[in-house]
Amino acid sequence: MLKIFKLVAILEGFSFLALLSNMLFIKPNNSALYKSLLYPIGMAHGVLFIGYIILAILNKFKQDWSLKDFAIIILGSFIPFGTFYIERKYLKNA
């Protein structure tokens, strides 16, 4: 299950960066492209985010993470590039 969590963490990080890039770089220049990309990118990010949180909860009990480690892993999903840090530091052995 840790390998699946590692994959979801990486994909969630990329989807978050794609969503931010869409808002920061495409929206000011081309609003039609922004609107056409918003739903698929947003939906993918939402599904991956929910999967990340659920897998983090399941792995907390399976891997016996401390409350501090679990909080850092959850907070990593709210920060750009945070899931990449989590993947490197906490999921390295997967």
Protein backbone atom coordinates (compact mmCIF):
# COMPACT_ATOMS: atom_id res chain seq x y z
CA MET A 1 0.00 0.00 0.00
CA LEU A 2 2.98 2.30 0.55
CA LYS A 3 3.94 2.04 -3.14
CA ILE A 4 0.45 3.14 -4.16
CA PHE A 5 0.65 6.03 -1.70
CA LYS A 6 4.00 7.04 -3.16
CA LEU A 7 2.54 7.08 -6.68
CA VAL A 8 -0.53 9.06 -5.57
CA ALA A 9 1.72 11.55 -3.72
CA ILE A 10 3.75 12.22 -6.87
CA LEU A 11 0.66 12.49 -9.08
CA GLU A 12 -1.08 14.77 -6.57
CA GLY A 13 1.95 17.04 -6.52
CA PHE A 14 1.99 17.30 -10.31
CA SER A 15 -1.76 17.93 -10.46
CA PHE A 16 -1.45 20.69 -7.85
CA LEU A 17 1.33 22.33 -9.84
CA ALA A 18 -0.70 22.01 -13.05
CA LEU A 19 -3.69 23.65 -11.35
CA LEU A 20 -1.55 26.51 -10.04
CA SER A 21 0.12 26.95 -13.43
CA ASN A 22 -3.27 27.12 -15.08
CA MET A 23 -4.37 29.85 -12.69
CA LEU A 24 -1.15 31.88 -12.72
CA PHE A 25 0.09 31.67 -16.29
CA ILE A 26 -2.78 30.73 -18.58
CA LYS A 27 -5.66 32.67 -17.02
CA PRO A 28 -4.22 36.18 -17.61
CA ASN A 29 -3.33 35.43 -21.24
CA ASN A 30 -6.08 33.16 -22.57
CA SER A 31 -9.31 32.90 -20.63
CA ALA A 32 -10.91 30.43 -23.08
CA LEU A 33 -8.04 27.96 -22.63
CA TYR A 34 -8.16 28.54 -18.87
CA LYS A 35 -11.86 27.67 -18.71
CA SER A 36 -11.42 24.57 -20.86
CA LEU A 37 -8.56 23.26 -18.69
CA LEU A 38 -10.00 24.17 -15.29
CA TYR A 39 -12.53 21.34 -14.96
CA PRO A 40 -10.33 18.37 -16.01
CA ILE A 41 -7.30 19.56 -14.05
CA GLY A 42 -9.40 20.49 -11.03
CA MET A 43 -11.27 17.18 -11.06
CA ALA A 44 -8.07 15.17 -11.36
CA HIS A 45 -6.47 17.13 -8.53
CA GLY A 46 -9.55 16.71 -6.33
CA VAL A 47 -9.65 12.95 -6.80
CA LEU A 48 -5.91 12.62 -6.20
CA PHE A 49 -6.09 14.85 -3.12
CA ILE A 50 -8.88 12.77 -1.58
CA GLY A 51 -6.95 9.59 -2.44
CA TYR A 52 -3.81 11.06 -0.85
CA ILE A 53 -5.63 11.86 2.40
CA ILE A 54 -7.35 8.45 2.57
CA LEU A 55 -4.11 6.58 1.85
CA ALA A 56 -2.27 8.71 4.42
CA ILE A 57 -4.84 7.74 7.07
CA LEU A 58 -4.62 4.06 6.15
CA ASN A 59 -0.81 4.11 6.12
CA LYS A 60 -0.68 5.92 9.46
CA PHE A 61 -1.97 2.83 11.19
CA LYS A 62 -0.18 0.31 8.99
CA GLN A 63 3.24 2.03 9.18
CA ASP A 64 2.76 3.19 12.79
CA TRP A 65 3.64 6.83 12.05
CA SER A 66 3.77 9.23 14.97
CA LEU A 67 1.20 12.00 15.19
CA LYS A 68 3.89 14.55 14.26
CA ASP A 69 4.92 12.61 11.13
CA PHE A 70 1.29 12.13 10.16
CA ALA A 71 0.58 15.86 10.53
CA ILE A 72 3.61 16.71 8.37
CA ILE A 73 2.49 14.22 5.71
CA ILE A 74 -1.01 15.71 5.64
CA LEU A 75 0.25 19.32 5.58
CA GLY A 76 2.56 18.41 2.70
CA SER A 77 -0.45 18.12 0.43
CA PHE A 78 -1.38 21.78 0.99
CA ILE A 79 2.02 23.23 0.04
CA PRO A 80 3.34 23.40 -3.53
CA PHE A 81 6.14 20.83 -3.92
CA GLY A 82 5.20 19.49 -0.46
CA THR A 83 4.26 16.02 -1.67
CA PHE A 84 7.63 15.70 -3.41
CA TYR A 85 9.35 16.41 -0.07
CA ILE A 86 7.09 13.89 1.67
CA GLU A 87 7.82 11.29 -0.99
CA ARG A 88 11.57 11.76 -0.63
CA LYS A 89 11.73 11.91 3.17
CA TYR A 90 8.95 9.60 4.40
CA LEU A 91 8.23 7.26 1.49
CA LYS A 92 11.79 6.63 0.37
CA ASN A 93 11.75 2.92 1.25
CA ALA A 94 8.63 2.05 -0.73
